[in-house]
Amino acid sequence: MFATIHHVQLAMPAGREDEARTFFVGALGMIEVDKPPVLAARGGAWFRGGGVELHLGVEEPFAPARKAHPGLVVDDIAEAARRVATTGRDVAWDTDFPGFRRFYAHDPFGNRLEFLQPL
């Protein structure tokens, strides 16, 4: 029935799109995707990279996703960790997923992100 996932949505507070761009484009190397005008009026931002599309939508009151998260497969986990760390965010390595190297980090708004590389 399902062919693929089109996007994953994360929440963000209003008016902080520039922080989202700095992290998702500047640090992670994604590109920003233009939102349709009717949706752009709501705020937020959309990003794409490596076949993954992340939509950040404004949510008020805002509460970051602390447990729920996208799992992002990367080609070079050490480089991904280095790039995340350059933003001042903590990188928490985890060895509990057989067959993968992985770490967790948080976006500028506190949403949990998982980065994985197959062994």
PDB file of N, CA and C in Angstrom:
ATOM      1  N   MET A   1       0.815  -1.195   0.000  1.00  0.00           N
ATOM      2  CA  MET A   1       0.000   0.000   0.000  1.00  0.00           C
ATOM      3  C   MET A   1       0.864   1.266   0.000  1.00  0.00           C
ATOM      4  N   PHE A   2       1.852   1.341   0.860  1.00  0.00           N
ATOM      5  CA  PHE A   2       2.711   2.527   0.922  1.00  0.00           C
ATOM      6  C   PHE A   2       3.913   2.346   0.008  1.00  0.00           C
ATOM      7  N   ALA A   3       4.316   3.418  -0.655  1.00  0.00           N
ATOM      8  CA  ALA A   3       5.477   3.363  -1.536  1.00  0.00           C
ATOM      9  C   ALA A   3       6.719   3.925  -0.853  1.00  0.00           C
ATOM     10  N   THR A   4       6.562   5.029  -0.124  1.00  0.00           N
ATOM     11  CA  THR A   4       7.683   5.675   0.545  1.00  0.00           C
ATOM     12  C   THR A   4       7.130   6.740   1.493  1.00  0.00           C
ATOM     13  N   ILE A   5       8.000   7.337   2.261  1.00  0.00           N
ATOM     14  CA  ILE A   5       7.612   8.472   3.104  1.00  0.00           C
ATOM     15  C   ILE A   5       7.918   9.749   2.326  1.00  0.00           C
ATOM     16  N   HIS A   6       6.962  10.644   2.246  1.00  0.00           N
ATOM     17  CA  HIS A   6       7.176  11.914   1.549  1.00  0.00           C
ATOM     18  C   HIS A   6       7.988  12.873   2.410  1.00  0.00           C
ATOM     19  N   HIS A   7       7.640  12.995   3.691  1.00  0.00           N
ATOM     20  CA  HIS A   7       8.355  13.900   4.593  1.00  0.00           C
ATOM     21  C   HIS A   7       8.078  13.525   6.040  1.00  0.00           C
ATOM     22  N   VAL A   8       8.891  14.092   6.915  1.00  0.00           N
ATOM     23  CA  VAL A   8       8.689  13.997   8.356  1.00  0.00           C
ATOM     24  C   VAL A   8       8.528  15.426   8.850  1.00  0.00           C
ATOM     25  N   GLN A   9       7.551  15.657   9.717  1.00  0.00           N
ATOM     26  CA  GLN A   9       7.337  17.006  10.240  1.00  0.00           C
ATOM     27  C   GLN A   9       7.799  17.082  11.679  1.00  0.00           C
ATOM     28  N   LEU A  10       8.513  18.157  11.963  1.00  0.00           N
ATOM     29  CA  LEU A  10       8.924  18.510  13.312  1.00  0.00           C
ATOM     30  C   LEU A  10       8.315  19.869  13.632  1.00  0.00           C
ATOM     31  N   ALA A  11       8.134  20.152  14.893  1.00  0.00           N
ATOM     32  CA  ALA A  11       7.581  21.438  15.299  1.00  0.00           C
ATOM     33  C   ALA A  11       8.699  22.417  15.615  1.00  0.00           C
ATOM     34  N   MET A  12       8.366  23.698  15.503  1.00  0.00           N
ATOM     35  CA  MET A  12       9.302  24.761  15.861  1.00  0.00           C
ATOM     36  C   MET A  12       8.502  25.948  16.382  1.00  0.00           C
ATOM     37  N   PRO A  13       9.135  26.809  17.170  1.00  0.00           N
ATOM     38  CA  PRO A  13       8.445  28.021  17.606  1.00  0.00           C
ATOM     39  C   PRO A  13       8.386  29.049  16.475  1.00  0.00           C
ATOM     40  N   ALA A  14       7.437  29.945  16.559  1.00  0.00           N
ATOM     41  CA  ALA A  14       7.254  30.984  15.551  1.00  0.00           C
ATOM     42  C   ALA A  14       8.458  31.921  15.491  1.00  0.00           C
ATOM     43  N   GLY A  15       8.772  32.368  14.267  1.00  0.00           N
ATOM     44  CA  GLY A  15       9.762  33.415  14.070  1.00  0.00           C
ATOM     45  C   GLY A  15      11.216  32.993  14.145  1.00  0.00           C
ATOM     46  N   ARG A  16      11.494  31.693  14.155  1.00  0.00           N
ATOM     47  CA  ARG A  16      12.880  31.229  14.301  1.00  0.00           C
ATOM     48  C   ARG A  16      13.377  30.462  13.066  1.00  0.00           C
ATOM     49  N   GLU A  17      12.826  30.824  11.912  1.00  0.00           N
ATOM     50  CA  GLU A  17      13.207  30.167  10.666  1.00  0.00           C
ATOM     51  C   GLU A  17      14.691  30.329  10.353  1.00  0.00           C
ATOM     52  N   ASP A  18      15.275  31.478  10.674  1.00  0.00           N
ATOM     53  CA  ASP A  18      16.700  31.673  10.390  1.00  0.00           C
ATOM     54  C   ASP A  18      17.568  30.688  11.170  1.00  0.00           C
ATOM     55  N   GLU A  19      17.189  30.367  12.396  1.00  0.00           N
ATOM     56  CA  GLU A  19      17.924  29.356  13.175  1.00  0.00           C
ATOM     57  C   GLU A  19      17.796  27.985  12.524  1.00  0.00           C
ATOM     58  N   ALA A  20      16.614  27.688  12.011  1.00  0.00           N
ATOM     59  CA  ALA A  20      16.403  26.413  11.317  1.00  0.00           C
ATOM     60  C   ALA A  20      17.301  26.342  10.086  1.00  0.00           C
ATOM     61  N   ARG A  21      17.369  27.424   9.319  1.00  0.00           N
ATOM     62  CA  ARG A  21      18.221  27.450   8.120  1.00  0.00           C
ATOM     63  C   ARG A  21      19.694  27.276   8.482  1.00  0.00           C
ATOM     64  N   THR A  22      20.137  27.952   9.516  1.00  0.00           N
ATOM     65  CA  THR A  22      21.536  27.848   9.929  1.00  0.00           C
ATOM     66  C   THR A  22      21.884  26.405  10.268  1.00  0.00           C
ATOM     67  N   PHE A  23      20.991  25.703  10.941  1.00  0.00           N
ATOM     68  CA  PHE A  23      21.265  24.324  11.343  1.00  0.00           C
ATOM     69  C   PHE A  23      21.089  23.345  10.185  1.00  0.00           C
ATOM     70  N   PHE A  24      19.918  23.331   9.571  1.00  0.00           N
ATOM     71  CA  PHE A  24      19.618  22.303   8.572  1.00  0.00           C
ATOM     72  C   PHE A  24      20.352  22.527   7.250  1.00  0.00           C
ATOM     73  N   VAL A  25      20.543  23.772   6.844  1.00  0.00           N
ATOM     74  CA  VAL A  25      21.283  24.058   5.618  1.00  0.00           C
ATOM     75  C   VAL A  25      22.765  24.226   5.929  1.00  0.00           C
ATOM     76  N   GLY A  26      23.071  25.120   6.857  1.00  0.00           N
ATOM     77  CA  GLY A  26      24.467  25.430   7.157  1.00  0.00           C
ATOM     78  C   GLY A  26      25.243  24.273   7.742  1.00  0.00           C
ATOM     79  N   ALA A  27      24.693  23.620   8.740  1.00  0.00           N
ATOM     80  CA  ALA A  27      25.428  22.535   9.417  1.00  0.00           C
ATOM     81  C   ALA A  27      25.209  21.177   8.763  1.00  0.00           C
ATOM     82  N   LEU A  28      23.966  20.863   8.406  1.00  0.00           N
ATOM     83  CA  LEU A  28      23.679  19.520   7.883  1.00  0.00           C
ATOM     84  C   LEU A  28      23.782  19.431   6.362  1.00  0.00           C
ATOM     85  N   GLY A  29      23.862  20.557   5.673  1.00  0.00           N
ATOM     86  CA  GLY A  29      24.033  20.521   4.226  1.00  0.00           C
ATOM     87  C   GLY A  29      22.772  20.232   3.433  1.00  0.00           C
ATOM     88  N   MET A  30      21.601  20.396   4.055  1.00  0.00           N
ATOM     89  CA  MET A  30      20.351  20.206   3.325  1.00  0.00           C
ATOM     90  C   MET A  30      20.085  21.459   2.489  1.00  0.00           C
ATOM     91  N   ILE A  31      19.101  21.395   1.615  1.00  0.00           N
ATOM     92  CA  ILE A  31      18.671  22.576   0.876  1.00  0.00           C
ATOM     93  C   ILE A  31      17.278  22.959   1.374  1.00  0.00           C
ATOM     94  N   GLU A  32      16.978  24.241   1.309  1.00  0.00           N
ATOM     95  CA  GLU A  32      15.635  24.676   1.674  1.00  0.00           C
ATOM     96  C   GLU A  32      14.725  24.510   0.467  1.00  0.00           C
ATOM     97  N   VAL A  33      13.536  24.011   0.713  1.00  0.00           N
ATOM     98  CA  VAL A  33      12.521  23.797  -0.316  1.00  0.00           C
ATOM     99  C   VAL A  33      11.472  24.890  -0.155  1.00  0.00           C
ATOM    100  N   ASP A  34      11.108  25.543  -1.255  1.00  0.00           N
ATOM    101  CA  ASP A  34      10.061  26.560  -1.189  1.00  0.00           C
ATOM    102  C   ASP A  34       8.739  25.929  -0.784  1.00  0.00           C
ATOM    103  N   LYS A  35       8.088  26.556   0.193  1.00  0.00           N
ATOM    104  CA  LYS A  35       6.760  26.117   0.588  1.00  0.00           C
ATOM    105  C   LYS A  35       5.727  26.754  -0.328  1.00  0.00           C
ATOM    106  N   PRO A  36       4.638  26.067  -0.611  1.00  0.00           N
ATOM    107  CA  PRO A  36       3.559  26.706  -1.359  1.00  0.00           C
ATOM    108  C   PRO A  36       3.102  27.972  -0.613  1.00  0.00           C
ATOM    109  N   PRO A  37       2.744  29.042  -1.339  1.00  0.00           N
ATOM    110  CA  PRO A  37       2.403  30.311  -0.683  1.00  0.00           C
ATOM    111  C   PRO A  37       1.367  30.193   0.437  1.00  0.00           C
ATOM    112  N   VAL A  38       0.342  29.383   0.242  1.00  0.00           N
ATOM    113  CA  VAL A  38      -0.685  29.248   1.275  1.00  0.00           C
ATOM    114  C   VAL A  38      -0.103  28.656   2.563  1.00  0.00           C
ATOM    115  N   LEU A  39       0.894  27.779   2.426  1.00  0.00           N
ATOM    116  CA  LEU A  39       1.534  27.185   3.612  1.00  0.00           C
ATOM    117  C   LEU A  39       2.650  28.068   4.151  1.00  0.00           C
ATOM    118  N   ALA A  40       3.325  28.808   3.276  1.00  0.00           N
ATOM    119  CA  ALA A  40       4.404  29.703   3.718  1.00  0.00           C
ATOM    120  C   ALA A  40       3.870  30.761   4.675  1.00  0.00           C
ATOM    121  N   ALA A  41       2.622  31.166   4.497  1.00  0.00           N
ATOM    122  CA  ALA A  41       2.021  32.177   5.365  1.00  0.00           C
ATOM    123  C   ALA A  41       1.927  31.701   6.811  1.00  0.00           C
ATOM    124  N   ARG A  42       2.008  30.408   7.038  1.00  0.00           N
ATOM    125  CA  ARG A  42       1.926  29.846   8.396  1.00  0.00           C
ATOM    126  C   ARG A  42       3.264  29.871   9.124  1.00  0.00           C
ATOM    127  N   GLY A  43       4.342  30.196   8.401  1.00  0.00           N
ATOM    128  CA  GLY A  43       5.681  30.157   8.994  1.00  0.00           C
ATOM    129  C   GLY A  43       6.277  28.774   8.864  1.00  0.00           C
ATOM    130  N   GLY A  44       7.454  28.597   9.456  1.00  0.00           N
ATOM    131  CA  GLY A  44       8.151  27.320   9.354  1.00  0.00           C
ATOM    132  C   GLY A  44       9.029  27.278   8.120  1.00  0.00           C
ATOM    133  N   ALA A  45       9.625  26.117   7.869  1.00  0.00           N
ATOM    134  CA  ALA A  45      10.524  25.954   6.728  1.00  0.00           C
ATOM    135  C   ALA A  45      10.613  24.474   6.380  1.00  0.00           C
ATOM    136  N   TRP A  46      10.896  24.207   5.099  1.00  0.00           N
ATOM    137  CA  TRP A  46      11.055  22.842   4.617  1.00  0.00           C
ATOM    138  C   TRP A  46      12.472  22.652   4.099  1.00  0.00           C
ATOM    139  N   PHE A  47      13.024  21.467   4.363  1.00  0.00           N
ATOM    140  CA  PHE A  47      14.393  21.154   3.961  1.00  0.00           C
ATOM    141  C   PHE A  47      14.446  19.770   3.330  1.00  0.00           C
ATOM    142  N   ARG A  48      15.442  19.585   2.424  1.00  0.00           N
ATOM    143  CA  ARG A  48      15.594  18.299   1.749  1.00  0.00           C
ATOM    144  C   ARG A  48      17.075  17.963   1.632  1.00  0.00           C
ATOM    145  N   GLY A  49      17.387  16.685   1.776  1.00  0.00           N
ATOM    146  CA  GLY A  49      18.753  16.214   1.576  1.00  0.00           C
ATOM    147  C   GLY A  49      18.797  14.706   1.643  1.00  0.00           C
ATOM    148  N   GLY A  50      19.562  14.101   0.725  1.00  0.00           N
ATOM    149  CA  GLY A  50      19.733  12.652   0.747  1.00  0.00           C
ATOM    150  C   GLY A  50      18.442  11.872   0.623  1.00  0.00           C
ATOM    151  N   GLY A  51      17.472  12.407  -0.097  1.00  0.00           N
ATOM    152  CA  GLY A  51      16.207  11.705  -0.262  1.00  0.00           C
ATOM    153  C   GLY A  51      15.249  11.866   0.900  1.00  0.00           C
ATOM    154  N   VAL A  52      15.605  12.687   1.881  1.00  0.00           N
ATOM    155  CA  VAL A  52      14.775  12.931   3.059  1.00  0.00           C
ATOM    156  C   VAL A  52      14.251  14.358   2.993  1.00  0.00           C
ATOM    157  N   GLU A  53      12.988  14.536   3.301  1.00  0.00           N
ATOM    158  CA  GLU A  53      12.427  15.883   3.391  1.00  0.00           C
ATOM    159  C   GLU A  53      11.915  16.085   4.812  1.00  0.00           C
ATOM    160  N   LEU A  54      12.379  17.170   5.443  1.00  0.00           N
ATOM    161  CA  LEU A  54      11.941  17.537   6.785  1.00  0.00           C
ATOM    162  C   LEU A  54      11.149  18.828   6.693  1.00  0.00           C
ATOM    163  N   HIS A  55       9.964  18.823   7.257  1.00  0.00           N
ATOM    164  CA  HIS A  55       9.135  20.022   7.323  1.00  0.00           C
ATOM    165  C   HIS A  55       9.130  20.488   8.770  1.00  0.00           C
ATOM    166  N   LEU A  56       9.470  21.736   8.986  1.00  0.00           N
ATOM    167  CA  LEU A  56       9.368  22.322  10.317  1.00  0.00           C
ATOM    168  C   LEU A  56       8.172  23.258  10.308  1.00  0.00           C
ATOM    169  N   GLY A  57       7.179  22.914  11.108  1.00  0.00           N
ATOM    170  CA  GLY A  57       5.952  23.695  11.166  1.00  0.00           C
ATOM    171  C   GLY A  57       5.831  24.400  12.499  1.00  0.00           C
ATOM    172  N   VAL A  58       5.313  25.604  12.457  1.00  0.00           N
ATOM    173  CA  VAL A  58       5.129  26.387  13.675  1.00  0.00           C
ATOM    174  C   VAL A  58       4.014  25.769  14.502  1.00  0.00           C
ATOM    175  N   GLU A  59       4.311  25.607  15.777  1.00  0.00           N
ATOM    176  CA  GLU A  59       3.333  25.064  16.716  1.00  0.00           C
ATOM    177  C   GLU A  59       3.346  25.938  17.964  1.00  0.00           C
ATOM    178  N   GLU A  60       2.180  26.429  18.327  1.00  0.00           N
ATOM    179  CA  GLU A  60       2.036  27.240  19.534  1.00  0.00           C
ATOM    180  C   GLU A  60       0.911  26.670  20.380  1.00  0.00           C
ATOM    181  N   PRO A  61       1.119  26.388  21.636  1.00  0.00           N
ATOM    182  CA  PRO A  61       2.419  26.507  22.291  1.00  0.00           C
ATOM    183  C   PRO A  61       3.364  25.428  21.781  1.00  0.00           C
ATOM    184  N   PHE A  62       4.634  25.770  21.737  1.00  0.00           N
ATOM    185  CA  PHE A  62       5.647  24.862  21.213  1.00  0.00           C
ATOM    186  C   PHE A  62       6.157  23.925  22.302  1.00  0.00           C
ATOM    187  N   ALA A  63       6.320  22.666  21.944  1.00  0.00           N
ATOM    188  CA  ALA A  63       6.964  21.670  22.806  1.00  0.00           C
ATOM    189  C   ALA A  63       7.811  20.783  21.900  1.00  0.00           C
ATOM    190  N   PRO A  64       9.122  20.689  22.147  1.00  0.00           N
ATOM    191  CA  PRO A  64       9.967  19.859  21.280  1.00  0.00           C
ATOM    192  C   PRO A  64       9.657  18.376  21.436  1.00  0.00           C
ATOM    193  N   ALA A  65       9.945  17.626  20.369  1.00  0.00           N
ATOM    194  CA  ALA A  65       9.806  16.170  20.410  1.00  0.00           C
ATOM    195  C   ALA A  65      11.042  15.606  21.105  1.00  0.00           C
ATOM    196  N   ARG A  66      10.877  15.099  22.303  1.00  0.00           N
ATOM    197  CA  ARG A  66      12.008  14.584  23.083  1.00  0.00           C
ATOM    198  C   ARG A  66      12.270  13.102  22.829  1.00  0.00           C
ATOM    199  N   LYS A  67      11.241  12.340  22.509  1.00  0.00           N
ATOM    200  CA  LYS A  67      11.397  10.903  22.256  1.00  0.00           C
ATOM    201  C   LYS A  67      11.193  10.592  20.769  1.00  0.00           C
ATOM    202  N   ALA A  68      10.089  11.061  20.200  1.00  0.00           N
ATOM    203  CA  ALA A  68       9.836  10.848  18.772  1.00  0.00           C
ATOM    204  C   ALA A  68      10.922  11.568  17.987  1.00  0.00           C
ATOM    205  N   HIS A  69      11.337  10.968  16.854  1.00  0.00           N
ATOM    206  CA  HIS A  69      12.435  11.555  16.093  1.00  0.00           C
ATOM    207  C   HIS A  69      12.536  10.924  14.713  1.00  0.00           C
ATOM    208  N   PRO A  70      13.101  11.663  13.752  1.00  0.00           N
ATOM    209  CA  PRO A  70      13.459  11.028  12.488  1.00  0.00           C
ATOM    210  C   PRO A  70      14.807  10.329  12.641  1.00  0.00           C
ATOM    211  N   GLY A  71      14.973   9.211  11.974  1.00  0.00           N
ATOM    212  CA  GLY A  71      16.257   8.509  11.916  1.00  0.00           C
ATOM    213  C   GLY A  71      16.881   8.802  10.559  1.00  0.00           C
ATOM    214  N   LEU A  72      17.963   9.546  10.555  1.00  0.00           N
ATOM    215  CA  LEU A  72      18.585  10.019   9.323  1.00  0.00           C
ATOM    216  C   LEU A  72      19.832   9.200   9.010  1.00  0.00           C
ATOM    217  N   VAL A  73      19.818   8.474   7.899  1.00  0.00           N
ATOM    218  CA  VAL A  73      20.976   7.669   7.496  1.00  0.00           C
ATOM    219  C   VAL A  73      21.973   8.596   6.805  1.00  0.00           C
ATOM    220  N   VAL A  74      23.228   8.519   7.237  1.00  0.00           N
ATOM    221  CA  VAL A  74      24.285   9.365   6.680  1.00  0.00           C
ATOM    222  C   VAL A  74      25.396   8.489   6.117  1.00  0.00           C
ATOM    223  N   ASP A  75      26.180   9.060   5.190  1.00  0.00           N
ATOM    224  CA  ASP A  75      27.301   8.339   4.587  1.00  0.00           C
ATOM    225  C   ASP A  75      28.529   8.316   5.482  1.00  0.00           C
ATOM    226  N   ASP A  76      28.708   9.368   6.277  1.00  0.00           N
ATOM    227  CA  ASP A  76      29.902   9.519   7.117  1.00  0.00           C
ATOM    228  C   ASP A  76      29.474  10.009   8.488  1.00  0.00           C
ATOM    229  N   ILE A  77      29.282   9.085   9.409  1.00  0.00           N
ATOM    230  CA  ILE A  77      28.754   9.417  10.732  1.00  0.00           C
ATOM    231  C   ILE A  77      29.694  10.322  11.515  1.00  0.00           C
ATOM    232  N   ALA A  78      30.998  10.135  11.352  1.00  0.00           N
ATOM    233  CA  ALA A  78      31.955  10.993  12.064  1.00  0.00           C
ATOM    234  C   ALA A  78      31.852  12.435  11.572  1.00  0.00           C
ATOM    235  N   GLU A  79      31.690  12.615  10.267  1.00  0.00           N
ATOM    236  CA  GLU A  79      31.529  13.961   9.707  1.00  0.00           C
ATOM    237  C   GLU A  79      30.211  14.577  10.159  1.00  0.00           C
ATOM    238  N   ALA A  80      29.152  13.796  10.193  1.00  0.00           N
ATOM    239  CA  ALA A  80      27.863  14.303  10.668  1.00  0.00           C
ATOM    240  C   ALA A  80      27.973  14.756  12.120  1.00  0.00           C
ATOM    241  N   ALA A  81      28.638  13.952  12.948  1.00  0.00           N
ATOM    242  CA  ALA A  81      28.820  14.320  14.361  1.00  0.00           C
ATOM    243  C   ALA A  81      29.656  15.594  14.488  1.00  0.00           C
ATOM    244  N   ARG A  82      30.689  15.710  13.668  1.00  0.00           N
ATOM    245  CA  ARG A  82      31.533  16.901  13.713  1.00  0.00           C
ATOM    246  C   ARG A  82      30.725  18.139  13.342  1.00  0.00           C
ATOM    247  N   ARG A  83      29.914  18.018  12.299  1.00  0.00           N
ATOM    248  CA  ARG A  83      29.122  19.164  11.845  1.00  0.00           C
ATOM    249  C   ARG A  83      28.082  19.570  12.873  1.00  0.00           C
ATOM    250  N   VAL A  84      27.438  18.590  13.495  1.00  0.00           N
ATOM    251  CA  VAL A  84      26.467  18.911  14.551  1.00  0.00           C
ATOM    252  C   VAL A  84      27.180  19.572  15.728  1.00  0.00           C
ATOM    253  N   ALA A  85      28.324  19.042  16.106  1.00  0.00           N
ATOM    254  CA  ALA A  85      29.066  19.589  17.250  1.00  0.00           C
ATOM    255  C   ALA A  85      29.518  21.027  17.006  1.00  0.00           C
ATOM    256  N   THR A  86      29.789  21.391  15.745  1.00  0.00           N
ATOM    257  CA  THR A  86      30.213  22.762  15.464  1.00  0.00           C
ATOM    258  C   THR A  86      29.109  23.772  15.763  1.00  0.00           C
ATOM    259  N   THR A  87      27.879  23.320  15.901  1.00  0.00           N
ATOM    260  CA  THR A  87      26.767  24.213  16.224  1.00  0.00           C
ATOM    261  C   THR A  87      26.611  24.386  17.729  1.00  0.00           C
ATOM    262  N   GLY A  88      27.471  23.714  18.501  1.00  0.00           N
ATOM    263  CA  GLY A  88      27.384  23.804  19.954  1.00  0.00           C
ATOM    264  C   GLY A  88      26.430  22.807  20.574  1.00  0.00           C
ATOM    265  N   ARG A  89      25.896  21.908  19.761  1.00  0.00           N
ATOM    266  CA  ARG A  89      24.966  20.906  20.291  1.00  0.00           C
ATOM    267  C   ARG A  89      25.705  19.648  20.703  1.00  0.00           C
ATOM    268  N   ASP A  90      25.183  19.011  21.727  1.00  0.00           N
ATOM    269  CA  ASP A  90      25.769  17.762  22.209  1.00  0.00           C
ATOM    270  C   ASP A  90      25.492  16.637  21.224  1.00  0.00           C
ATOM    271  N   VAL A  91      26.452  15.745  21.101  1.00  0.00           N
ATOM    272  CA  VAL A  91      26.339  14.529  20.308  1.00  0.00           C
ATOM    273  C   VAL A  91      26.405  13.371  21.294  1.00  0.00           C
ATOM    274  N   ALA A  92      25.339  12.572  21.369  1.00  0.00           N
ATOM    275  CA  ALA A  92      25.268  11.459  22.314  1.00  0.00           C
ATOM    276  C   ALA A  92      25.339  10.145  21.533  1.00  0.00           C
ATOM    277  N   TRP A  93      26.500   9.495  21.579  1.00  0.00           N
ATOM    278  CA  TRP A  93      26.686   8.224  20.877  1.00  0.00           C
ATOM    279  C   TRP A  93      25.917   7.123  21.568  1.00  0.00           C
ATOM    280  N   ASP A  94      25.434   6.170  20.783  1.00  0.00           N
ATOM    281  CA  ASP A  94      24.652   5.061  21.309  1.00  0.00           C
ATOM    282  C   ASP A  94      25.038   3.800  20.547  1.00  0.00           C
ATOM    283  N   THR A  95      25.276   2.717  21.265  1.00  0.00           N
ATOM    284  CA  THR A  95      25.718   1.459  20.643  1.00  0.00           C
ATOM    285  C   THR A  95      24.651   0.362  20.708  1.00  0.00           C
ATOM    286  N   ASP A  96      23.416   0.715  21.010  1.00  0.00           N
ATOM    287  CA  ASP A  96      22.376  -0.286  21.236  1.00  0.00           C
ATOM    288  C   ASP A  96      21.607  -0.737  19.995  1.00  0.00           C
ATOM    289  N   PHE A  97      22.026  -0.312  18.802  1.00  0.00           N
ATOM    290  CA  PHE A  97      21.319  -0.694  17.586  1.00  0.00           C
ATOM    291  C   PHE A  97      22.275  -1.517  16.729  1.00  0.00           C
ATOM    292  N   PRO A  98      22.177  -2.859  16.785  1.00  0.00           N
ATOM    293  CA  PRO A  98      23.101  -3.708  16.037  1.00  0.00           C
ATOM    294  C   PRO A  98      23.090  -3.385  14.545  1.00  0.00           C
ATOM    295  N   GLY A  99      24.283  -3.380  13.960  1.00  0.00           N
ATOM    296  CA  GLY A  99      24.421  -3.150  12.531  1.00  0.00           C
ATOM    297  C   GLY A  99      24.588  -1.691  12.145  1.00  0.00           C
ATOM    298  N   PHE A 100      24.565  -0.790  13.123  1.00  0.00           N
ATOM    299  CA  PHE A 100      24.684   0.641  12.846  1.00  0.00           C
ATOM    300  C   PHE A 100      25.567   1.324  13.871  1.00  0.00           C
ATOM    301  N   ARG A 101      26.278   2.354  13.418  1.00  0.00           N
ATOM    302  CA  ARG A 101      26.846   3.357  14.329  1.00  0.00           C
ATOM    303  C   ARG A 101      25.798   4.451  14.374  1.00  0.00           C
ATOM    304  N   ARG A 102      25.578   5.007  15.563  1.00  0.00           N
ATOM    305  CA  ARG A 102      24.567   6.062  15.629  1.00  0.00           C
ATOM    306  C   ARG A 102      24.822   7.006  16.784  1.00  0.00           C
ATOM    307  N   PHE A 103      24.244   8.190  16.629  1.00  0.00           N
ATOM    308  CA  PHE A 103      24.232   9.155  17.718  1.00  0.00           C
ATOM    309  C   PHE A 103      22.927   9.932  17.679  1.00  0.00           C
ATOM    310  N   TYR A 104      22.637  10.554  18.810  1.00  0.00           N
ATOM    311  CA  TYR A 104      21.485  11.433  18.920  1.00  0.00           C
ATOM    312  C   TYR A 104      21.979  12.857  19.129  1.00  0.00           C
ATOM    313  N   ALA A 105      21.207  13.805  18.625  1.00  0.00           N
ATOM    314  CA  ALA A 105      21.462  15.223  18.840  1.00  0.00           C
ATOM    315  C   ALA A 105      20.108  15.919  18.799  1.00  0.00           C
ATOM    316  N   HIS A 106      20.109  17.203  19.056  1.00  0.00           N
ATOM    317  CA  HIS A 106      18.872  17.983  19.024  1.00  0.00           C
ATOM    318  C   HIS A 106      19.028  19.160  18.073  1.00  0.00           C
ATOM    319  N   ASP A 107      17.948  19.490  17.394  1.00  0.00           N
ATOM    320  CA  ASP A 107      17.960  20.669  16.525  1.00  0.00           C
ATOM    321  C   ASP A 107      17.927  21.929  17.400  1.00  0.00           C
ATOM    322  N   PRO A 108      17.940  23.114  16.809  1.00  0.00           N
ATOM    323  CA  PRO A 108      17.970  24.338  17.612  1.00  0.00           C
ATOM    324  C   PRO A 108      16.774  24.515  18.546  1.00  0.00           C
ATOM    325  N   PHE A 109      15.720  23.751  18.330  1.00  0.00           N
ATOM    326  CA  PHE A 109      14.497  23.902  19.104  1.00  0.00           C
ATOM    327  C   PHE A 109      14.308  22.786  20.130  1.00  0.00           C
ATOM    328  N   GLY A 110      15.264  21.857  20.192  1.00  0.00           N
ATOM    329  CA  GLY A 110      15.190  20.765  21.156  1.00  0.00           C
ATOM    330  C   GLY A 110      14.577  19.492  20.625  1.00  0.00           C
ATOM    331  N   ASN A 111      14.226  19.439  19.332  1.00  0.00           N
ATOM    332  CA  ASN A 111      13.695  18.200  18.755  1.00  0.00           C
ATOM    333  C   ASN A 111      14.822  17.173  18.633  1.00  0.00           C
ATOM    334  N   ARG A 112      14.526  15.951  19.015  1.00  0.00           N
ATOM    335  CA  ARG A 112      15.507  14.871  18.944  1.00  0.00           C
ATOM    336  C   ARG A 112      15.707  14.415  17.494  1.00  0.00           C
ATOM    337  N   LEU A 113      16.968  14.198  17.127  1.00  0.00           N
ATOM    338  CA  LEU A 113      17.336  13.681  15.810  1.00  0.00           C
ATOM    339  C   LEU A 113      18.259  12.489  16.011  1.00  0.00           C
ATOM    340  N   GLU A 114      18.068  11.443  15.223  1.00  0.00           N
ATOM    341  CA  GLU A 114      18.943  10.272  15.257  1.00  0.00           C
ATOM    342  C   GLU A 114      19.690  10.200  13.945  1.00  0.00           C
ATOM    343  N   PHE A 115      21.010  10.017  14.021  1.00  0.00           N
ATOM    344  CA  PHE A 115      21.871   9.887  12.853  1.00  0.00           C
ATOM    345  C   PHE A 115      22.446   8.481  12.861  1.00  0.00           C
ATOM    346  N   LEU A 116      22.346   7.778  11.720  1.00  0.00           N
ATOM    347  CA  LEU A 116      22.784   6.384  11.634  1.00  0.00           C
ATOM    348  C   LEU A 116      23.659   6.163  10.405  1.00  0.00           C
ATOM    349  N   GLN A 117      24.623   5.240  10.563  1.00  0.00           N
ATOM    350  CA  GLN A 117      25.396   4.765   9.417  1.00  0.00           C
ATOM    351  C   GLN A 117      25.500   3.256   9.538  1.00  0.00           C
ATOM    352  N   PRO A 118      25.088   2.535   8.483  1.00  0.00           N
ATOM    353  CA  PRO A 118      25.228   1.078   8.536  1.00  0.00           C
ATOM    354  C   PRO A 118      26.703   0.678   8.672  1.00  0.00           C
ATOM    355  N   LEU A 119      26.935  -0.398   9.431  1.00  0.00           N
ATOM    356  CA  LEU A 119      28.303  -0.907   9.585  1.00  0.00           C
ATOM    357  C   LEU A 119      28.706  -1.688   8.341  1.00  0.00           C
TER     358      LEU A 119
END
